[in-house]
Amino acid sequence: MVDHLQERLDAAFPAAADAPLVRAVQQGILLADSVVENEAWLKGPLGRDVRGYLRRAGVLSQVHAACVSGDLPFEGMMEAMPRGPFHWVELKSQEFVAHICKTDAAGAFPEDTPTRQDERLTNEYSLFENVVPMKESAAAVGQLLAWLTFGAPEGGRLGHLCWAMPAPDGKSWLAHSNVLYRLTAAQVHVQREEPTERAKLKFRDQIAEAVTTTDPAVQRE
């Protein structure tokens, strides 16, 4: 890792925001799990198959809401992804653009996709000022790209949460900050809060609307 990049990542996504960030991500995971646990059609193998997708939706919705409310000091926008029929939350802070990814471990890379390959190249162009057209990249040349990576084992516990800046080759990190480690070092404990019934119903309705309004032809792609 390059020291000045680590400093820039930590300045854009500071430790002061760690506690509200953990609360938002944890709430998103618990909301998703509440849908799986309380919908009869998600009982059994089908629920296990879609739990990860629902958790991603829950985390995105809660982090976006925390940005809009001012609980998180980042600009957060829900936007269509450059490839496919899906959406993501784009987080902006200082010179960084960040997207949220699920990973298997704190130091692991997310599943590689064409979109993430485009994103990683953003860091190469930004760091070395090599201006190359990138039609399908979410971040403009001149900005730095980071990922907010998370993972949760069964039971709704947040396993890891990290700000990470990928190298263009996708094999190493240019900078990496473990949010849960920072909270532990600062002796800050974030109390797990169960979502309210109102929040659960709202999220369930959002999921039901998304399922019923998606074009089946798009789903097959």
C-alpha atoms as a PDB file:
ATOM      1  CA  MET A   1       0.000   0.000   0.000  1.00  0.00           C
ATOM      2  CA  VAL A   2       1.118   3.545  -0.719  1.00  0.00           C
ATOM      3  CA  ASP A   3       1.126   5.716   2.405  1.00  0.00           C
ATOM      4  CA  HIS A   4      -0.300   8.808   0.758  1.00  0.00           C
ATOM      5  CA  LEU A   5      -3.175   6.780  -0.728  1.00  0.00           C
ATOM      6  CA  GLN A   6      -3.982   5.320   2.677  1.00  0.00           C
ATOM      7  CA  GLU A   7      -4.067   8.812   4.129  1.00  0.00           C
ATOM      8  CA  ARG A   8      -6.347  10.024   1.352  1.00  0.00           C
ATOM      9  CA  LEU A   9      -8.711   7.060   1.769  1.00  0.00           C
ATOM     10  CA  ASP A  10      -8.931   7.625   5.528  1.00  0.00           C
ATOM     11  CA  ALA A  11      -9.516  11.347   5.032  1.00  0.00           C
ATOM     12  CA  ALA A  12     -12.397  10.701   2.640  1.00  0.00           C
ATOM     13  CA  PHE A  13     -13.977   7.949   4.763  1.00  0.00           C
ATOM     14  CA  PRO A  14     -12.912   8.848   8.301  1.00  0.00           C
ATOM     15  CA  ALA A  15     -13.153   6.910  11.547  1.00  0.00           C
ATOM     16  CA  ALA A  16     -15.670   9.467  12.813  1.00  0.00           C
ATOM     17  CA  ALA A  17     -18.238   7.929  10.442  1.00  0.00           C
ATOM     18  CA  ASP A  18     -17.560   4.309  11.434  1.00  0.00           C
ATOM     19  CA  ALA A  19     -20.273   3.919  14.084  1.00  0.00           C
ATOM     20  CA  PRO A  20     -23.208   5.241  12.003  1.00  0.00           C
ATOM     21  CA  LEU A  21     -21.904   3.271   9.030  1.00  0.00           C
ATOM     22  CA  VAL A  22     -21.922   0.020  11.009  1.00  0.00           C
ATOM     23  CA  ARG A  23     -25.455   0.774  12.245  1.00  0.00           C
ATOM     24  CA  ALA A  24     -26.704   1.351   8.696  1.00  0.00           C
ATOM     25  CA  VAL A  25     -25.092  -1.807   7.296  1.00  0.00           C
ATOM     26  CA  GLN A  26     -26.251  -3.925  10.242  1.00  0.00           C
ATOM     27  CA  GLN A  27     -29.804  -2.635   9.847  1.00  0.00           C
ATOM     28  CA  GLY A  28     -29.742  -3.516   6.160  1.00  0.00           C
ATOM     29  CA  ILE A  29     -28.665  -7.083   6.912  1.00  0.00           C
ATOM     30  CA  LEU A  30     -31.314  -7.523   9.601  1.00  0.00           C
ATOM     31  CA  LEU A  31     -34.040  -6.133   7.343  1.00  0.00           C
ATOM     32  CA  ALA A  32     -33.132  -8.598   4.615  1.00  0.00           C
ATOM     33  CA  ASP A  33     -33.072 -11.511   7.045  1.00  0.00           C
ATOM     34  CA  SER A  34     -36.500 -10.492   8.379  1.00  0.00           C
ATOM     35  CA  VAL A  35     -37.952 -10.879   4.873  1.00  0.00           C
ATOM     36  CA  VAL A  36     -36.455 -14.363   4.487  1.00  0.00           C
ATOM     37  CA  GLU A  37     -37.655 -15.444   7.913  1.00  0.00           C
ATOM     38  CA  ASN A  38     -41.219 -14.143   7.600  1.00  0.00           C
ATOM     39  CA  GLU A  39     -42.172 -14.898   4.001  1.00  0.00           C
ATOM     40  CA  ALA A  40     -43.472 -18.435   3.502  1.00  0.00           C
ATOM     41  CA  TRP A  41     -42.274 -18.610  -0.105  1.00  0.00           C
ATOM     42  CA  LEU A  42     -38.697 -17.992   1.037  1.00  0.00           C
ATOM     43  CA  LYS A  43     -38.597 -20.886   3.465  1.00  0.00           C
ATOM     44  CA  GLY A  44     -36.059 -23.558   2.643  1.00  0.00           C
ATOM     45  CA  PRO A  45     -33.480 -23.643  -0.157  1.00  0.00           C
ATOM     46  CA  LEU A  46     -34.978 -20.713  -2.105  1.00  0.00           C
ATOM     47  CA  GLY A  47     -34.525 -18.385   0.849  1.00  0.00           C
ATOM     48  CA  ARG A  48     -30.914 -19.447   1.241  1.00  0.00           C
ATOM     49  CA  ASP A  49     -30.348 -18.843  -2.474  1.00  0.00           C
ATOM     50  CA  VAL A  50     -31.612 -15.242  -2.420  1.00  0.00           C
ATOM     51  CA  ARG A  51     -30.487 -14.167   1.057  1.00  0.00           C
ATOM     52  CA  GLY A  52     -27.290 -12.617  -0.309  1.00  0.00           C
ATOM     53  CA  TYR A  53     -29.175 -10.577  -2.904  1.00  0.00           C
ATOM     54  CA  LEU A  54     -31.669  -9.358  -0.306  1.00  0.00           C
ATOM     55  CA  ARG A  55     -28.858  -8.428   2.080  1.00  0.00           C
ATOM     56  CA  ARG A  56     -27.207  -6.399  -0.665  1.00  0.00           C
ATOM     57  CA  ALA A  57     -30.510  -4.600  -1.280  1.00  0.00           C
ATOM     58  CA  GLY A  58     -30.950  -3.977   2.439  1.00  0.00           C
ATOM     59  CA  VAL A  59     -27.440  -2.621   2.918  1.00  0.00           C
ATOM     60  CA  LEU A  60     -27.733  -0.346  -0.125  1.00  0.00           C
ATOM     61  CA  SER A  61     -31.087   1.028   1.011  1.00  0.00           C
ATOM     62  CA  GLN A  62     -29.947   1.746   4.563  1.00  0.00           C
ATOM     63  CA  VAL A  63     -26.591   3.296   3.644  1.00  0.00           C
ATOM     64  CA  HIS A  64     -28.344   5.486   1.069  1.00  0.00           C
ATOM     65  CA  ALA A  65     -30.951   6.534   3.658  1.00  0.00           C
ATOM     66  CA  ALA A  66     -28.196   7.378   6.171  1.00  0.00           C
ATOM     67  CA  CYS A  67     -26.485   9.591   3.583  1.00  0.00           C
ATOM     68  CA  VAL A  68     -29.738  11.369   2.723  1.00  0.00           C
ATOM     69  CA  SER A  69     -30.598  11.944   6.403  1.00  0.00           C
ATOM     70  CA  GLY A  70     -27.122  13.273   7.193  1.00  0.00           C
ATOM     71  CA  ASP A  71     -26.208  10.435   9.560  1.00  0.00           C
ATOM     72  CA  LEU A  72     -23.337   9.671   7.175  1.00  0.00           C
ATOM     73  CA  PRO A  73     -21.202  12.567   5.886  1.00  0.00           C
ATOM     74  CA  PHE A  74     -21.109  11.301   2.292  1.00  0.00           C
ATOM     75  CA  GLU A  75     -23.046  12.157  -0.818  1.00  0.00           C
ATOM     76  CA  GLY A  76     -25.099   9.066  -1.634  1.00  0.00           C
ATOM     77  CA  MET A  77     -26.999   8.469  -4.872  1.00  0.00           C
ATOM     78  CA  MET A  78     -29.011   5.434  -5.958  1.00  0.00           C
ATOM     79  CA  GLU A  79     -28.253   4.956  -9.648  1.00  0.00           C
ATOM     80  CA  ALA A  80     -28.553   2.384 -12.423  1.00  0.00           C
ATOM     81  CA  MET A  81     -25.408   0.334 -12.912  1.00  0.00           C
ATOM     82  CA  PRO A  82     -23.626   0.777 -16.256  1.00  0.00           C
ATOM     83  CA  ARG A  83     -24.240  -2.886 -17.127  1.00  0.00           C
ATOM     84  CA  GLY A  84     -27.408  -4.920 -16.580  1.00  0.00           C
ATOM     85  CA  PRO A  85     -30.783  -4.044 -15.022  1.00  0.00           C
ATOM     86  CA  PHE A  86     -29.511  -3.492 -11.479  1.00  0.00           C
ATOM     87  CA  HIS A  87     -28.832  -0.462  -9.262  1.00  0.00           C
ATOM     88  CA  TRP A  88     -26.100   0.531  -6.848  1.00  0.00           C
ATOM     89  CA  VAL A  89     -25.442   3.292  -4.350  1.00  0.00           C
ATOM     90  CA  GLU A  90     -22.659   5.637  -5.393  1.00  0.00           C
ATOM     91  CA  LEU A  91     -20.916   7.255  -2.421  1.00  0.00           C
ATOM     92  CA  LYS A  92     -18.870  10.391  -2.985  1.00  0.00           C
ATOM     93  CA  SER A  93     -16.445  11.950  -0.525  1.00  0.00           C
ATOM     94  CA  GLN A  94     -13.625  14.318  -1.414  1.00  0.00           C
ATOM     95  CA  GLU A  95     -11.815  12.817  -4.428  1.00  0.00           C
ATOM     96  CA  PHE A  96     -13.325   9.330  -4.039  1.00  0.00           C
ATOM     97  CA  VAL A  97     -16.271   7.497  -5.522  1.00  0.00           C
ATOM     98  CA  ALA A  98     -17.182   4.277  -3.688  1.00  0.00           C
ATOM     99  CA  HIS A  99     -19.531   1.371  -4.327  1.00  0.00           C
ATOM    100  CA  ILE A 100     -20.712  -1.329  -1.944  1.00  0.00           C
ATOM    101  CA  CYS A 101     -19.631  -4.958  -2.506  1.00  0.00           C
ATOM    102  CA  LYS A 102     -20.126  -8.219  -0.674  1.00  0.00           C
ATOM    103  CA  THR A 103     -16.926 -10.202  -0.015  1.00  0.00           C
ATOM    104  CA  ASP A 104     -16.108 -13.483   1.715  1.00  0.00           C
ATOM    105  CA  ALA A 105     -13.555 -11.971   4.106  1.00  0.00           C
ATOM    106  CA  ALA A 106     -12.142  -8.617   5.189  1.00  0.00           C
ATOM    107  CA  GLY A 107      -9.159  -8.831   2.856  1.00  0.00           C
ATOM    108  CA  ALA A 108     -10.914 -10.606   0.001  1.00  0.00           C
ATOM    109  CA  PHE A 109     -11.814  -9.117  -3.350  1.00  0.00           C
ATOM    110  CA  PRO A 110     -15.442  -9.153  -4.516  1.00  0.00           C
ATOM    111  CA  GLU A 111     -16.509 -11.386  -7.372  1.00  0.00           C
ATOM    112  CA  ASP A 112     -14.877 -10.032 -10.518  1.00  0.00           C
ATOM    113  CA  THR A 113     -17.230  -8.621 -13.141  1.00  0.00           C
ATOM    114  CA  PRO A 114     -16.785  -6.436 -16.248  1.00  0.00           C
ATOM    115  CA  THR A 115     -18.088  -3.440 -14.310  1.00  0.00           C
ATOM    116  CA  ARG A 116     -15.559  -3.948 -11.504  1.00  0.00           C
ATOM    117  CA  GLN A 117     -12.788  -4.378 -14.043  1.00  0.00           C
ATOM    118  CA  ASP A 118     -13.738  -0.984 -15.505  1.00  0.00           C
ATOM    119  CA  GLU A 119     -13.807   0.497 -12.010  1.00  0.00           C
ATOM    120  CA  ARG A 120     -10.345  -0.770 -11.087  1.00  0.00           C
ATOM    121  CA  LEU A 121      -8.885   0.848 -14.182  1.00  0.00           C
ATOM    122  CA  THR A 122     -10.194   4.185 -12.946  1.00  0.00           C
ATOM    123  CA  ASN A 123      -7.480   4.146 -10.285  1.00  0.00           C
ATOM    124  CA  GLU A 124      -4.776   3.583 -12.891  1.00  0.00           C
ATOM    125  CA  TYR A 125      -5.971   6.490 -15.021  1.00  0.00           C
ATOM    126  CA  SER A 126      -6.440   8.771 -12.029  1.00  0.00           C
ATOM    127  CA  LEU A 127      -3.096   8.006 -10.406  1.00  0.00           C
ATOM    128  CA  PHE A 128      -1.018   8.246 -13.557  1.00  0.00           C
ATOM    129  CA  GLU A 129      -3.126  10.827 -15.424  1.00  0.00           C
ATOM    130  CA  ASN A 130      -3.406   8.537 -18.422  1.00  0.00           C
ATOM    131  CA  VAL A 131      -6.572   9.846 -20.066  1.00  0.00           C
ATOM    132  CA  VAL A 132      -8.323   6.985 -21.853  1.00  0.00           C
ATOM    133  CA  PRO A 133     -12.023   6.913 -22.848  1.00  0.00           C
ATOM    134  CA  MET A 134     -14.046   4.774 -20.438  1.00  0.00           C
ATOM    135  CA  LYS A 135     -17.656   4.733 -21.578  1.00  0.00           C
ATOM    136  CA  GLU A 136     -18.788   2.122 -19.094  1.00  0.00           C
ATOM    137  CA  SER A 137     -16.941   3.249 -15.975  1.00  0.00           C
ATOM    138  CA  ALA A 138     -19.068   4.639 -13.170  1.00  0.00           C
ATOM    139  CA  ALA A 139     -16.405   7.048 -11.958  1.00  0.00           C
ATOM    140  CA  ALA A 140     -15.001   9.833 -14.077  1.00  0.00           C
ATOM    141  CA  VAL A 141     -11.314  10.082 -14.885  1.00  0.00           C
ATOM    142  CA  GLY A 142      -9.633  12.181 -12.193  1.00  0.00           C
ATOM    143  CA  GLN A 143     -11.480  10.506  -9.330  1.00  0.00           C
ATOM    144  CA  LEU A 144     -10.260   7.627  -7.191  1.00  0.00           C
ATOM    145  CA  LEU A 145     -12.293   4.445  -6.792  1.00  0.00           C
ATOM    146  CA  ALA A 146     -12.946   2.669  -3.491  1.00  0.00           C
ATOM    147  CA  TRP A 147     -15.159  -0.205  -2.439  1.00  0.00           C
ATOM    148  CA  LEU A 148     -17.058  -0.557   0.820  1.00  0.00           C
ATOM    149  CA  THR A 149     -16.837  -4.323   1.362  1.00  0.00           C
ATOM    150  CA  PHE A 150     -19.026  -6.198   3.824  1.00  0.00           C
ATOM    151  CA  GLY A 151     -19.888  -9.732   4.799  1.00  0.00           C
ATOM    152  CA  ALA A 152     -22.211 -11.381   7.279  1.00  0.00           C
ATOM    153  CA  PRO A 153     -22.415 -15.012   8.401  1.00  0.00           C
ATOM    154  CA  GLU A 154     -25.693 -16.635   9.330  1.00  0.00           C
ATOM    155  CA  GLY A 155     -27.505 -15.031  12.244  1.00  0.00           C
ATOM    156  CA  GLY A 156     -27.335 -11.455  10.991  1.00  0.00           C
ATOM    157  CA  ARG A 157     -24.008 -10.596  12.623  1.00  0.00           C
ATOM    158  CA  LEU A 158     -21.808  -8.231  10.643  1.00  0.00           C
ATOM    159  CA  GLY A 159     -18.604 -10.160   9.997  1.00  0.00           C
ATOM    160  CA  HIS A 160     -16.496  -7.453   8.349  1.00  0.00           C
ATOM    161  CA  LEU A 161     -16.763  -3.954   6.930  1.00  0.00           C
ATOM    162  CA  CYS A 162     -13.868  -2.286   5.105  1.00  0.00           C
ATOM    163  CA  TRP A 163     -13.018   0.679   2.912  1.00  0.00           C
ATOM    164  CA  ALA A 164     -10.703  -0.612   0.205  1.00  0.00           C
ATOM    165  CA  MET A 165      -8.980   0.898  -2.819  1.00  0.00           C
ATOM    166  CA  PRO A 166      -8.235  -1.792  -5.440  1.00  0.00           C
ATOM    167  CA  ALA A 167      -5.136  -1.882  -7.584  1.00  0.00           C
ATOM    168  CA  PRO A 168      -5.877  -1.844 -11.326  1.00  0.00           C
ATOM    169  CA  ASP A 169      -4.756  -5.472 -11.723  1.00  0.00           C
ATOM    170  CA  GLY A 170      -7.290  -6.670  -9.148  1.00  0.00           C
ATOM    171  CA  LYS A 171      -4.672  -8.579  -7.154  1.00  0.00           C
ATOM    172  CA  SER A 172      -3.807  -6.188  -4.327  1.00  0.00           C
ATOM    173  CA  TRP A 173      -5.019  -3.175  -2.386  1.00  0.00           C
ATOM    174  CA  LEU A 174      -3.600   0.309  -2.826  1.00  0.00           C
ATOM    175  CA  ALA A 175      -5.160   1.237   0.516  1.00  0.00           C
ATOM    176  CA  HIS A 176      -7.351  -0.657   2.984  1.00  0.00           C
ATOM    177  CA  SER A 177      -9.117   0.306   6.233  1.00  0.00           C
ATOM    178  CA  ASN A 178     -10.964  -2.201   8.427  1.00  0.00           C
ATOM    179  CA  VAL A 179     -13.894  -0.339   9.999  1.00  0.00           C
ATOM    180  CA  LEU A 180     -14.542  -2.898  12.736  1.00  0.00           C
ATOM    181  CA  TYR A 181     -10.857  -2.916  13.734  1.00  0.00           C
ATOM    182  CA  ARG A 182     -10.872   0.876  13.960  1.00  0.00           C
ATOM    183  CA  LEU A 183     -13.902   0.799  16.246  1.00  0.00           C
ATOM    184  CA  THR A 184     -12.308  -1.842  18.457  1.00  0.00           C
ATOM    185  CA  ALA A 185      -9.076   0.158  18.685  1.00  0.00           C
ATOM    186  CA  ALA A 186     -11.088   3.235  19.664  1.00  0.00           C
ATOM    187  CA  GLN A 187     -13.022   1.147  22.218  1.00  0.00           C
ATOM    188  CA  VAL A 188     -16.311   2.051  20.563  1.00  0.00           C
ATOM    189  CA  HIS A 189     -19.099  -0.515  20.750  1.00  0.00           C
ATOM    190  CA  VAL A 190     -22.021  -0.201  18.366  1.00  0.00           C
ATOM    191  CA  GLN A 191     -25.141  -1.685  19.896  1.00  0.00           C
ATOM    192  CA  ARG A 192     -27.057  -4.018  17.614  1.00  0.00           C
ATOM    193  CA  GLU A 193     -30.557  -2.601  17.112  1.00  0.00           C
ATOM    194  CA  GLU A 194     -33.398  -4.693  15.726  1.00  0.00           C
ATOM    195  CA  PRO A 195     -35.350  -2.925  12.947  1.00  0.00           C
ATOM    196  CA  THR A 196     -38.787  -1.652  13.837  1.00  0.00           C
ATOM    197  CA  GLU A 197     -41.847  -3.421  12.475  1.00  0.00           C
ATOM    198  CA  ARG A 198     -42.545  -0.361  10.351  1.00  0.00           C
ATOM    199  CA  ALA A 199     -39.074  -0.556   8.805  1.00  0.00           C
ATOM    200  CA  LYS A 200     -39.503  -4.269   8.140  1.00  0.00           C
ATOM    201  CA  LEU A 201     -42.846  -3.736   6.393  1.00  0.00           C
ATOM    202  CA  LYS A 202     -41.460  -0.883   4.310  1.00  0.00           C
ATOM    203  CA  PHE A 203     -38.499  -2.950   3.148  1.00  0.00           C
ATOM    204  CA  ARG A 204     -40.718  -5.953   2.411  1.00  0.00           C
ATOM    205  CA  ASP A 205     -42.971  -3.766   0.283  1.00  0.00           C
ATOM    206  CA  GLN A 206     -39.947  -2.366  -1.576  1.00  0.00           C
ATOM    207  CA  ILE A 207     -38.749  -5.885  -2.375  1.00  0.00           C
ATOM    208  CA  ALA A 208     -42.219  -6.982  -3.487  1.00  0.00           C
ATOM    209  CA  GLU A 209     -42.509  -3.944  -5.760  1.00  0.00           C
ATOM    210  CA  ALA A 210     -39.082  -4.556  -7.268  1.00  0.00           C
ATOM    211  CA  VAL A 211     -39.952  -8.191  -8.007  1.00  0.00           C
ATOM    212  CA  THR A 212     -43.343  -7.470  -9.554  1.00  0.00           C
ATOM    213  CA  THR A 213     -42.221  -4.502 -11.693  1.00  0.00           C
ATOM    214  CA  THR A 214     -39.071  -6.033 -13.174  1.00  0.00           C
ATOM    215  CA  ASP A 215     -39.429  -6.910 -16.859  1.00  0.00           C
ATOM    216  CA  PRO A 216     -39.177 -10.732 -17.164  1.00  0.00           C
ATOM    217  CA  ALA A 217     -37.107 -10.320 -20.342  1.00  0.00           C
ATOM    218  CA  VAL A 218     -34.603  -8.260 -18.379  1.00  0.00           C
ATOM    219  CA  GLN A 219     -34.571 -10.807 -15.556  1.00  0.00           C
ATOM    220  CA  ARG A 220     -33.486 -13.553 -17.959  1.00  0.00           C
ATOM    221  CA  GLU A 221     -30.486 -11.501 -18.992  1.00  0.00           C
END
